[in-house]
PDB file of all heavy atoms in Angstrom:
ATOM      1  N   SER A   1     221.714  -0.567  92.294  1.00  0.00           N
ATOM      2  CA  SER A   1     223.043  -0.898  91.740  1.00  0.00           C
ATOM      3  C   SER A   1     223.934  -1.389  92.860  1.00  0.00           C
ATOM      4  O   SER A   1     224.767  -2.291  92.613  1.00  0.00           O
ATOM      5  CB  SER A   1     223.686   0.325  91.078  1.00  0.00           C
ATOM      6  OG  SER A   1     222.932   0.673  89.889  1.00  0.00           O
ATOM      7  N   MET A   2     223.813  -0.840  94.043  1.00  0.00           N
ATOM      8  CA  MET A   2     224.595  -1.315  95.191  1.00  0.00           C
ATOM      9  C   MET A   2     224.242  -2.807  95.488  1.00  0.00           C
ATOM     10  O   MET A   2     225.107  -3.614  95.673  1.00  0.00           O
ATOM     11  CB  MET A   2     224.369  -0.470  96.407  1.00  0.00           C
ATOM     12  CG  MET A   2     224.962   0.931  96.323  1.00  0.00           C
ATOM     13  SD  MET A   2     224.510   1.983  97.704  1.00  0.00           S
ATOM     14  CE  MET A   2     225.567   1.275  99.007  1.00  0.00           C
ATOM     15  N   TYR A   3     222.964  -3.073  95.463  1.00  0.00           N
ATOM     16  CA  TYR A   3     222.506  -4.448  95.735  1.00  0.00           C
ATOM     17  C   TYR A   3     223.077  -5.377  94.662  1.00  0.00           C
ATOM     18  O   TYR A   3     223.578  -6.476  94.961  1.00  0.00           O
ATOM     19  CB  TYR A   3     220.966  -4.497  95.695  1.00  0.00           C
ATOM     20  CG  TYR A   3     220.414  -5.913  95.744  1.00  0.00           C
ATOM     21  CD1 TYR A   3     220.369  -6.598  96.940  1.00  0.00           C
ATOM     22  CD2 TYR A   3     220.005  -6.526  94.590  1.00  0.00           C
ATOM     23  CE1 TYR A   3     219.893  -7.915  97.021  1.00  0.00           C
ATOM     24  CE2 TYR A   3     219.501  -7.837  94.640  1.00  0.00           C
ATOM     25  CZ  TYR A   3     219.488  -8.509  95.829  1.00  0.00           C
ATOM     26  OH  TYR A   3     219.040  -9.774  95.854  1.00  0.00           O
ATOM     27  N   LEU A   4     222.973  -4.984  93.395  1.00  0.00           N
ATOM     28  CA  LEU A   4     223.487  -5.812  92.343  1.00  0.00           C
ATOM     29  C   LEU A   4     225.000  -5.996  92.431  1.00  0.00           C
ATOM     30  O   LEU A   4     225.436  -7.133  92.261  1.00  0.00           O
ATOM     31  CB  LEU A   4     223.110  -5.169  90.957  1.00  0.00           C
ATOM     32  CG  LEU A   4     223.636  -5.922  89.731  1.00  0.00           C
ATOM     33  CD1 LEU A   4     223.123  -7.377  89.678  1.00  0.00           C
ATOM     34  CD2 LEU A   4     223.254  -5.193  88.498  1.00  0.00           C
ATOM     35  N   LEU A   5     225.707  -4.989  92.755  1.00  0.00           N
ATOM     36  CA  LEU A   5     227.174  -5.133  92.873  1.00  0.00           C
ATOM     37  C   LEU A   5     227.497  -6.093  94.021  1.00  0.00           C
ATOM     38  O   LEU A   5     228.402  -6.943  93.891  1.00  0.00           O
ATOM     39  CB  LEU A   5     227.789  -3.774  93.092  1.00  0.00           C
ATOM     40  CG  LEU A   5     229.333  -3.733  93.161  1.00  0.00           C
ATOM     41  CD1 LEU A   5     229.949  -4.239  91.871  1.00  0.00           C
ATOM     42  CD2 LEU A   5     229.823  -2.330  93.446  1.00  0.00           C
ATOM     43  N   ALA A   6     226.794  -5.980  95.121  1.00  0.00           N
ATOM     44  CA  ALA A   6     227.031  -6.887  96.271  1.00  0.00           C
ATOM     45  C   ALA A   6     226.761  -8.325  95.810  1.00  0.00           C
ATOM     46  O   ALA A   6     227.542  -9.219  96.125  1.00  0.00           O
ATOM     47  CB  ALA A   6     226.140  -6.516  97.447  1.00  0.00           C
ATOM     48  N   TYR A   7     225.744  -8.563  95.070  1.00  0.00           N
ATOM     49  CA  TYR A   7     225.370  -9.872  94.564  1.00  0.00           C
ATOM     50  C   TYR A   7     226.522 -10.404  93.682  1.00  0.00           C
ATOM     51  O   TYR A   7     226.914 -11.576  93.786  1.00  0.00           O
ATOM     52  CB  TYR A   7     224.071  -9.824  93.786  1.00  0.00           C
ATOM     53  CG  TYR A   7     223.697 -11.140  93.190  1.00  0.00           C
ATOM     54  CD1 TYR A   7     222.955 -12.083  93.991  1.00  0.00           C
ATOM     55  CD2 TYR A   7     224.012 -11.507  91.884  1.00  0.00           C
ATOM     56  CE1 TYR A   7     222.622 -13.319  93.440  1.00  0.00           C
ATOM     57  CE2 TYR A   7     223.664 -12.752  91.369  1.00  0.00           C
ATOM     58  CZ  TYR A   7     222.947 -13.652  92.130  1.00  0.00           C
ATOM     59  OH  TYR A   7     222.597 -14.855  91.634  1.00  0.00           O
ATOM     60  N   LEU A   8     227.081  -9.553  92.828  1.00  0.00           N
ATOM     61  CA  LEU A   8     228.142  -9.981  91.959  1.00  0.00           C
ATOM     62  C   LEU A   8     229.388 -10.364  92.750  1.00  0.00           C
ATOM     63  O   LEU A   8     230.031 -11.374  92.454  1.00  0.00           O
ATOM     64  CB  LEU A   8     228.479  -8.877  90.953  1.00  0.00           C
ATOM     65  CG  LEU A   8     227.389  -8.486  89.957  1.00  0.00           C
ATOM     66  CD1 LEU A   8     227.795  -7.311  89.077  1.00  0.00           C
ATOM     67  CD2 LEU A   8     226.972  -9.710  89.056  1.00  0.00           C
ATOM     68  N   TYR A   9     229.738  -9.572  93.783  1.00  0.00           N
ATOM     69  CA  TYR A   9     230.864  -9.912  94.629  1.00  0.00           C
ATOM     70  C   TYR A   9     230.582 -11.208  95.435  1.00  0.00           C
ATOM     71  O   TYR A   9     231.471 -12.039  95.533  1.00  0.00           O
ATOM     72  CB  TYR A   9     231.125  -8.804  95.653  1.00  0.00           C
ATOM     73  CG  TYR A   9     232.006  -7.691  95.129  1.00  0.00           C
ATOM     74  CD1 TYR A   9     231.525  -6.397  95.048  1.00  0.00           C
ATOM     75  CD2 TYR A   9     233.335  -7.922  94.741  1.00  0.00           C
ATOM     76  CE1 TYR A   9     232.347  -5.366  94.564  1.00  0.00           C
ATOM     77  CE2 TYR A   9     234.127  -6.905  94.230  1.00  0.00           C
ATOM     78  CZ  TYR A   9     233.668  -5.684  94.143  1.00  0.00           C
ATOM     79  OH  TYR A   9     234.419  -4.649  93.681  1.00  0.00           O
ATOM     80  N   GLU A  10     229.374 -11.356  95.939  1.00  0.00           N
ATOM     81  CA  GLU A  10     229.053 -12.548  96.662  1.00  0.00           C
ATOM     82  C   GLU A  10     229.225 -13.815  95.851  1.00  0.00           C
ATOM     83  O   GLU A  10     229.705 -14.854  96.389  1.00  0.00           O
ATOM     84  CB  GLU A  10     227.604 -12.490  97.198  1.00  0.00           C
ATOM     85  CG  GLU A  10     227.148 -13.741  97.955  1.00  0.00           C
ATOM     86  CD  GLU A  10     225.738 -13.688  98.341  1.00  0.00           C
ATOM     87  OE1 GLU A  10     225.008 -12.697  98.161  1.00  0.00           O
ATOM     88  OE2 GLU A  10     225.271 -14.746  98.892  1.00  0.00           O
ATOM     89  N   ASN A  11     228.861 -13.728  94.599  1.00  0.00           N
ATOM     90  CA  ASN A  11     228.891 -14.941  93.737  1.00  0.00           C
ATOM     91  C   ASN A  11     230.052 -15.036  92.779  1.00  0.00           C
ATOM     92  O   ASN A  11     230.150 -15.962  92.016  1.00  0.00           O
ATOM     93  CB  ASN A  11     227.520 -14.988  92.993  1.00  0.00           C
ATOM     94  CG  ASN A  11     226.400 -15.213  93.938  1.00  0.00           C
ATOM     95  OD1 ASN A  11     226.210 -16.325  94.445  1.00  0.00           O
ATOM     96  ND2 ASN A  11     225.662 -14.181  94.222  1.00  0.00           N
ATOM     97  N   GLY A  12     230.908 -14.028  92.781  1.00  0.00           N
ATOM     98  CA  GLY A  12     232.060 -14.025  91.873  1.00  0.00           C
ATOM     99  C   GLY A  12     231.654 -13.902  90.423  1.00  0.00           C
ATOM    100  O   GLY A  12     232.311 -14.579  89.603  1.00  0.00           O
ATOM    101  N   LEU A  13     230.675 -13.124  90.124  1.00  0.00           N
ATOM    102  CA  LEU A  13     230.197 -12.992  88.739  1.00  0.00           C
ATOM    103  C   LEU A  13     230.777 -11.702  88.171  1.00  0.00           C
ATOM    104  O   LEU A  13     230.460 -10.610  88.563  1.00  0.00           O
ATOM    105  CB  LEU A  13     228.710 -12.939  88.695  1.00  0.00           C
ATOM    106  CG  LEU A  13     227.985 -14.186  89.242  1.00  0.00           C
ATOM    107  CD1 LEU A  13     226.464 -13.947  89.356  1.00  0.00           C
ATOM    108  CD2 LEU A  13     228.278 -15.401  88.369  1.00  0.00           C
ATOM    109  N   GLY A  14     231.688 -11.862  87.162  1.00  0.00           N
ATOM    110  CA  GLY A  14     232.285 -10.699  86.530  1.00  0.00           C
ATOM    111  C   GLY A  14     233.350 -10.047  87.371  1.00  0.00           C
ATOM    112  O   GLY A  14     233.901  -9.016  86.982  1.00  0.00           O
ATOM    113  N   THR A  15     233.627 -10.615  88.517  1.00  0.00           N
ATOM    114  CA  THR A  15     234.611 -10.091  89.440  1.00  0.00           C
ATOM    115  C   THR A  15     235.092 -11.252  90.337  1.00  0.00           C
ATOM    116  O   THR A  15     234.446 -12.309  90.355  1.00  0.00           O
ATOM    117  CB  THR A  15     234.038  -8.948  90.319  1.00  0.00           C
ATOM    118  OG1 THR A  15     235.105  -8.383  91.051  1.00  0.00           O
ATOM    119  CG2 THR A  15     232.929  -9.416  91.235  1.00  0.00           C
ATOM    120  N   GLU A  16     236.158 -11.014  91.034  1.00  0.00           N
ATOM    121  CA  GLU A  16     236.569 -12.022  92.000  1.00  0.00           C
ATOM    122  C   GLU A  16     235.629 -12.108  93.166  1.00  0.00           C
ATOM    123  O   GLU A  16     235.135 -11.071  93.612  1.00  0.00           O
ATOM    124  CB  GLU A  16     238.005 -11.673  92.504  1.00  0.00           C
ATOM    125  CG  GLU A  16     238.651 -12.829  93.256  1.00  0.00           C
ATOM    126  CD  GLU A  16     240.147 -12.543  93.482  1.00  0.00           C
ATOM    127  OE1 GLU A  16     240.775 -12.018  92.607  1.00  0.00           O
ATOM    128  OE2 GLU A  16     240.577 -12.938  94.553  1.00  0.00           O
ATOM    129  N   LYS A  17     235.353 -13.311  93.623  1.00  0.00           N
ATOM    130  CA  LYS A  17     234.406 -13.495  94.723  1.00  0.00           C
ATOM    131  C   LYS A  17     235.042 -12.846  95.956  1.00  0.00           C
ATOM    132  O   LYS A  17     236.183 -13.048  96.321  1.00  0.00           O
ATOM    133  CB  LYS A  17     234.197 -14.982  94.980  1.00  0.00           C
ATOM    134  CG  LYS A  17     233.115 -15.320  95.938  1.00  0.00           C
ATOM    135  CD  LYS A  17     232.900 -16.825  95.970  1.00  0.00           C
ATOM    136  CE  LYS A  17     231.644 -17.138  96.693  1.00  0.00           C
ATOM    137  NZ  LYS A  17     231.274 -18.574  96.580  1.00  0.00           N
ATOM    138  N   ASP A  18     234.259 -12.001  96.607  1.00  0.00           N
ATOM    139  CA  ASP A  18     234.691 -11.298  97.823  1.00  0.00           C
ATOM    140  C   ASP A  18     233.534 -11.116  98.789  1.00  0.00           C
ATOM    141  O   ASP A  18     232.727 -10.184  98.693  1.00  0.00           O
ATOM    142  CB  ASP A  18     235.273  -9.929  97.424  1.00  0.00           C
ATOM    143  CG  ASP A  18     235.961  -9.166  98.562  1.00  0.00           C
ATOM    144  OD1 ASP A  18     235.636  -9.435  99.719  1.00  0.00           O
ATOM    145  OD2 ASP A  18     236.789  -8.306  98.278  1.00  0.00           O
ATOM    146  N   ILE A  19     233.406 -12.066  99.688  1.00  0.00           N
ATOM    147  CA  ILE A  19     232.282 -12.104 100.644  1.00  0.00           C
ATOM    148  C   ILE A  19     232.312 -10.877 101.523  1.00  0.00           C
ATOM    149  O   ILE A  19     231.257 -10.260 101.772  1.00  0.00           O
ATOM    150  CB  ILE A  19     232.332 -13.369 101.482  1.00  0.00           C
ATOM    151  CG1 ILE A  19     232.220 -14.631 100.612  1.00  0.00           C
ATOM    152  CG2 ILE A  19     231.202 -13.357 102.543  1.00  0.00           C
ATOM    153  CD1 ILE A  19     231.016 -14.752  99.765  1.00  0.00           C
ATOM    154  N   ASP A  20     233.469 -10.441 101.965  1.00  0.00           N
ATOM    155  CA  ASP A  20     233.523  -9.284 102.851  1.00  0.00           C
ATOM    156  C   ASP A  20     233.030  -8.014 102.137  1.00  0.00           C
ATOM    157  O   ASP A  20     232.308  -7.206 102.691  1.00  0.00           O
ATOM    158  CB  ASP A  20     234.988  -9.053 103.352  1.00  0.00           C
ATOM    159  CG  ASP A  20     235.428 -10.121 104.319  1.00  0.00           C
ATOM    160  OD1 ASP A  20     234.555 -10.631 105.078  1.00  0.00           O
ATOM    161  OD2 ASP A  20     236.620 -10.455 104.307  1.00  0.00           O
ATOM    162  N   LYS A  21     233.447  -7.846 100.889  1.00  0.00           N
ATOM    163  CA  LYS A  21     232.964  -6.680 100.100  1.00  0.00           C
ATOM    164  C   LYS A  21     231.483  -6.772  99.890  1.00  0.00           C
ATOM    165  O   LYS A  21     230.758  -5.765  99.977  1.00  0.00           O
ATOM    166  CB  LYS A  21     233.733  -6.620  98.790  1.00  0.00           C
ATOM    167  CG  LYS A  21     233.461  -5.347  98.014  1.00  0.00           C
ATOM    168  CD  LYS A  21     234.179  -4.205  98.708  1.00  0.00           C
ATOM    169  CE  LYS A  21     234.110  -2.944  97.829  1.00  0.00           C
ATOM    170  NZ  LYS A  21     234.562  -1.790  98.523  1.00  0.00           N
ATOM    171  N   ALA A  22     230.979  -7.951  99.584  1.00  0.00           N
ATOM    172  CA  ALA A  22     229.528  -8.158  99.384  1.00  0.00           C
ATOM    173  C   ALA A  22     228.774  -7.735 100.659  1.00  0.00           C
ATOM    174  O   ALA A  22     227.788  -6.985 100.571  1.00  0.00           O
ATOM    175  CB  ALA A  22     229.231  -9.581  99.005  1.00  0.00           C
ATOM    176  N   VAL A  23     229.193  -8.220 101.808  1.00  0.00           N
ATOM    177  CA  VAL A  23     228.531  -7.896 103.092  1.00  0.00           C
ATOM    178  C   VAL A  23     228.634  -6.403 103.364  1.00  0.00           C
ATOM    179  O   VAL A  23     227.632  -5.778 103.774  1.00  0.00           O
ATOM    180  CB  VAL A  23     229.089  -8.714 104.214  1.00  0.00           C
ATOM    181  CG1 VAL A  23     228.635  -8.161 105.609  1.00  0.00           C
ATOM    182  CG2 VAL A  23     228.706 -10.172 104.073  1.00  0.00           C
ATOM    183  N   GLU A  24     229.735  -5.790 103.050  1.00  0.00           N
ATOM    184  CA  GLU A  24     229.909  -4.359 103.228  1.00  0.00           C
ATOM    185  C   GLU A  24     228.879  -3.554 102.402  1.00  0.00           C
ATOM    186  O   GLU A  24     228.218  -2.666 102.894  1.00  0.00           O
ATOM    187  CB  GLU A  24     231.320  -3.912 102.867  1.00  0.00           C
ATOM    188  CG  GLU A  24     231.591  -2.471 102.905  1.00  0.00           C
ATOM    189  CD  GLU A  24     232.999  -2.139 102.358  1.00  0.00           C
ATOM    190  OE1 GLU A  24     233.956  -2.927 102.573  1.00  0.00           O
ATOM    191  OE2 GLU A  24     233.115  -1.095 101.724  1.00  0.00           O
ATOM    192  N   ILE A  25     228.751  -3.940 101.148  1.00  0.00           N
ATOM    193  CA  ILE A  25     227.810  -3.253 100.240  1.00  0.00           C
ATOM    194  C   ILE A  25     226.359  -3.560 100.621  1.00  0.00           C
ATOM    195  O   ILE A  25     225.495  -2.691 100.606  1.00  0.00           O
ATOM    196  CB  ILE A  25     228.147  -3.574  98.784  1.00  0.00           C
ATOM    197  CG1 ILE A  25     229.549  -3.083  98.422  1.00  0.00           C
ATOM    198  CG2 ILE A  25     227.121  -2.900  97.809  1.00  0.00           C
ATOM    199  CD1 ILE A  25     230.071  -3.576  97.120  1.00  0.00           C
ATOM    200  N   TYR A  26     226.071  -4.818 100.912  1.00  0.00           N
ATOM    201  CA  TYR A  26     224.720  -5.162 101.351  1.00  0.00           C
ATOM    202  C   TYR A  26     224.318  -4.336 102.579  1.00  0.00           C
ATOM    203  O   TYR A  26     223.221  -3.846 102.698  1.00  0.00           O
ATOM    204  CB  TYR A  26     224.600  -6.660 101.708  1.00  0.00           C
ATOM    205  CG  TYR A  26     224.445  -7.613 100.574  1.00  0.00           C
ATOM    206  CD1 TYR A  26     225.131  -8.816 100.542  1.00  0.00           C
ATOM    207  CD2 TYR A  26     223.564  -7.379  99.499  1.00  0.00           C
ATOM    208  CE1 TYR A  26     224.993  -9.706  99.563  1.00  0.00           C
ATOM    209  CE2 TYR A  26     223.426  -8.307  98.461  1.00  0.00           C
ATOM    210  CZ  TYR A  26     224.130  -9.495  98.507  1.00  0.00           C
ATOM    211  OH  TYR A  26     223.984 -10.434  97.482  1.00  0.00           O
ATOM    212  N   THR A  27     225.257  -4.196 103.528  1.00  0.00           N
ATOM    213  CA  THR A  27     225.009  -3.460 104.742  1.00  0.00           C
ATOM    214  C   THR A  27     224.737  -2.011 104.413  1.00  0.00           C
ATOM    215  O   THR A  27     223.779  -1.407 104.926  1.00  0.00           O
ATOM    216  CB  THR A  27     226.163  -3.593 105.711  1.00  0.00           C
ATOM    217  OG1 THR A  27     226.364  -4.982 106.028  1.00  0.00           O
ATOM    218  CG2 THR A  27     225.904  -2.858 106.999  1.00  0.00           C
ATOM    219  N   ALA A  28     225.573  -1.376 103.558  1.00  0.00           N
ATOM    220  CA  ALA A  28     225.436   0.024 103.224  1.00  0.00           C
ATOM    221  C   ALA A  28     224.031   0.270 102.547  1.00  0.00           C
ATOM    222  O   ALA A  28     223.322   1.178 102.878  1.00  0.00           O
ATOM    223  CB  ALA A  28     226.526   0.481 102.305  1.00  0.00           C
ATOM    224  N   SER A  29     223.689  -0.616 101.614  1.00  0.00           N
ATOM    225  CA  SER A  29     222.363  -0.403 100.946  1.00  0.00           C
ATOM    226  C   SER A  29     221.207  -0.778 101.871  1.00  0.00           C
ATOM    227  O   SER A  29     220.186  -0.178 101.815  1.00  0.00           O
ATOM    228  CB  SER A  29     222.322  -1.135  99.588  1.00  0.00           C
ATOM    229  OG  SER A  29     222.480  -2.554  99.766  1.00  0.00           O
ATOM    230  N   GLY A  30     221.391  -1.805 102.678  1.00  0.00           N
ATOM    231  CA  GLY A  30     220.387  -2.223 103.609  1.00  0.00           C
ATOM    232  C   GLY A  30     220.077  -1.124 104.612  1.00  0.00           C
ATOM    233  O   GLY A  30     218.906  -0.871 104.943  1.00  0.00           O
ATOM    234  N   GLU A  31     221.077  -0.425 105.065  1.00  0.00           N
ATOM    235  CA  GLU A  31     220.853   0.677 106.020  1.00  0.00           C
ATOM    236  C   GLU A  31     220.112   1.841 105.363  1.00  0.00           C
ATOM    237  O   GLU A  31     219.541   2.649 106.065  1.00  0.00           O
ATOM    238  CB  GLU A  31     222.212   1.170 106.556  1.00  0.00           C
ATOM    239  CG  GLU A  31     222.831   0.176 107.551  1.00  0.00           C
ATOM    240  CD  GLU A  31     224.219   0.555 107.993  1.00  0.00           C
ATOM    241  OE1 GLU A  31     224.789   1.544 107.497  1.00  0.00           O
ATOM    242  OE2 GLU A  31     224.746  -0.166 108.862  1.00  0.00           O
ATOM    243  N   LYS A  32     220.106   1.859 104.011  1.00  0.00           N
ATOM    244  CA  LYS A  32     219.339   2.879 103.313  1.00  0.00           C
ATOM    245  C   LYS A  32     217.970   2.351 102.859  1.00  0.00           C
ATOM    246  O   LYS A  32     217.290   2.982 102.066  1.00  0.00           O
ATOM    247  CB  LYS A  32     220.170   3.413 102.154  1.00  0.00           C
ATOM    248  CG  LYS A  32     221.393   4.157 102.601  1.00  0.00           C
ATOM    249  CD  LYS A  32     222.199   4.684 101.487  1.00  0.00           C
ATOM    250  CE  LYS A  32     223.306   5.514 102.095  1.00  0.00           C
ATOM    251  NZ  LYS A  32     224.449   5.668 101.360  1.00  0.00           N
ATOM    252  N   GLY A  33     217.644   1.149 103.322  1.00  0.00           N
ATOM    253  CA  GLY A  33     216.296   0.626 103.089  1.00  0.00           C
ATOM    254  C   GLY A  33     216.081  -0.338 101.943  1.00  0.00           C
ATOM    255  O   GLY A  33     214.955  -0.673 101.606  1.00  0.00           O
ATOM    256  N   VAL A  34     217.136  -0.850 101.353  1.00  0.00           N
ATOM    257  CA  VAL A  34     217.019  -1.836 100.278  1.00  0.00           C
ATOM    258  C   VAL A  34     216.706  -3.186 100.878  1.00  0.00           C
ATOM    259  O   VAL A  34     217.500  -3.857 101.534  1.00  0.00           O
ATOM    260  CB  VAL A  34     218.281  -1.933  99.426  1.00  0.00           C
ATOM    261  CG1 VAL A  34     218.112  -2.978  98.315  1.00  0.00           C
ATOM    262  CG2 VAL A  34     218.613  -0.607  98.762  1.00  0.00           C
ATOM    263  N   ARG A  35     215.410  -3.539 100.756  1.00  0.00           N
ATOM    264  CA  ARG A  35     214.879  -4.763 101.380  1.00  0.00           C
ATOM    265  C   ARG A  35     215.611  -6.019 100.957  1.00  0.00           C
ATOM    266  O   ARG A  35     215.888  -6.908 101.761  1.00  0.00           O
ATOM    267  CB  ARG A  35     213.413  -4.833 101.083  1.00  0.00           C
ATOM    268  CG  ARG A  35     212.700  -5.907 101.861  1.00  0.00           C
ATOM    269  CD  ARG A  35     211.203  -5.736 101.727  1.00  0.00           C
ATOM    270  NE  ARG A  35     210.503  -6.739 102.526  1.00  0.00           N
ATOM    271  CZ  ARG A  35     209.992  -7.842 101.991  1.00  0.00           C
ATOM    272  NH1 ARG A  35     210.056  -8.087 100.710  1.00  0.00           N
ATOM    273  NH2 ARG A  35     209.381  -8.704 102.793  1.00  0.00           N
ATOM    274  N   GLY A  36     215.957  -6.086  99.703  1.00  0.00           N
ATOM    275  CA  GLY A  36     216.685  -7.270  99.180  1.00  0.00           C
ATOM    276  C   GLY A  36     218.019  -7.437  99.888  1.00  0.00           C
ATOM    277  O   GLY A  36     218.433  -8.545 100.183  1.00  0.00           O
ATOM    278  N   SER A  37     218.703  -6.359 100.171  1.00  0.00           N
ATOM    279  CA  SER A  37     219.988  -6.397 100.863  1.00  0.00           C
ATOM    280  C   SER A  37     219.759  -6.886 102.293  1.00  0.00           C
ATOM    281  O   SER A  37     220.566  -7.709 102.787  1.00  0.00           O
ATOM    282  CB  SER A  37     220.634  -5.020 100.875  1.00  0.00           C
ATOM    283  OG  SER A  37     221.012  -4.682  99.571  1.00  0.00           O
ATOM    284  N   LEU A  38     218.738  -6.393 102.941  1.00  0.00           N
ATOM    285  CA  LEU A  38     218.470  -6.820 104.305  1.00  0.00           C
ATOM    286  C   LEU A  38     218.146  -8.315 104.376  1.00  0.00           C
ATOM    287  O   LEU A  38     218.614  -8.994 105.269  1.00  0.00           O
ATOM    288  CB  LEU A  38     217.314  -6.007 104.872  1.00  0.00           C
ATOM    289  CG  LEU A  38     217.598  -4.483 105.074  1.00  0.00           C
ATOM    290  CD1 LEU A  38     216.369  -3.738 105.392  1.00  0.00           C
ATOM    291  CD2 LEU A  38     218.634  -4.299 106.197  1.00  0.00           C
ATOM    292  N   LEU A  39     217.365  -8.782 103.418  1.00  0.00           N
ATOM    293  CA  LEU A  39     216.995 -10.194 103.394  1.00  0.00           C
ATOM    294  C   LEU A  39     218.252 -11.041 103.072  1.00  0.00           C
ATOM    295  O   LEU A  39     218.403 -12.132 103.597  1.00  0.00           O
ATOM    296  CB  LEU A  39     215.858 -10.476 102.422  1.00  0.00           C
ATOM    297  CG  LEU A  39     214.551  -9.886 102.842  1.00  0.00           C
ATOM    298  CD1 LEU A  39     213.509 -10.019 101.710  1.00  0.00           C
ATOM    299  CD2 LEU A  39     214.012 -10.527 104.109  1.00  0.00           C
ATOM    300  N   ARG A  40     219.110 -10.543 102.212  1.00  0.00           N
ATOM    301  CA  ARG A  40     220.324 -11.299 101.934  1.00  0.00           C
ATOM    302  C   ARG A  40     221.217 -11.366 103.143  1.00  0.00           C
ATOM    303  O   ARG A  40     221.815 -12.379 103.441  1.00  0.00           O
ATOM    304  CB  ARG A  40     221.059 -10.655 100.708  1.00  0.00           C
ATOM    305  CG  ARG A  40     222.142 -11.549 100.189  1.00  0.00           C
ATOM    306  CD  ARG A  40     221.604 -12.847  99.655  1.00  0.00           C
ATOM    307  NE  ARG A  40     222.616 -13.876  99.754  1.00  0.00           N
ATOM    308  CZ  ARG A  40     222.580 -14.925 100.562  1.00  0.00           C
ATOM    309  NH1 ARG A  40     221.507 -15.162 101.304  1.00  0.00           N
ATOM    310  NH2 ARG A  40     223.532 -15.766 100.594  1.00  0.00           N
ATOM    311  N   LEU A  41     221.324 -10.239 103.870  1.00  0.00           N
ATOM    312  CA  LEU A  41     222.114 -10.255 105.113  1.00  0.00           C
ATOM    313  C   LEU A  41     221.517 -11.229 106.132  1.00  0.00           C
ATOM    314  O   LEU A  41     222.249 -11.923 106.828  1.00  0.00           O
ATOM    315  CB  LEU A  41     222.189  -8.816 105.696  1.00  0.00           C
ATOM    316  CG  LEU A  41     223.100  -7.872 104.943  1.00  0.00           C
ATOM    317  CD1 LEU A  41     222.826  -6.449 105.358  1.00  0.00           C
ATOM    318  CD2 LEU A  41     224.579  -8.250 105.100  1.00  0.00           C
TER     319      LEU A  41
END
């Protein structure tokens, strides 16, 4: 869900586009091993 929320922020889908928030969430989930987040980063 963290990965999905970051994707939504990155692309402005259903929310205002917020690259900083997307990177923050990708980083948090990536540090916990979400491979998709790491690849997106």
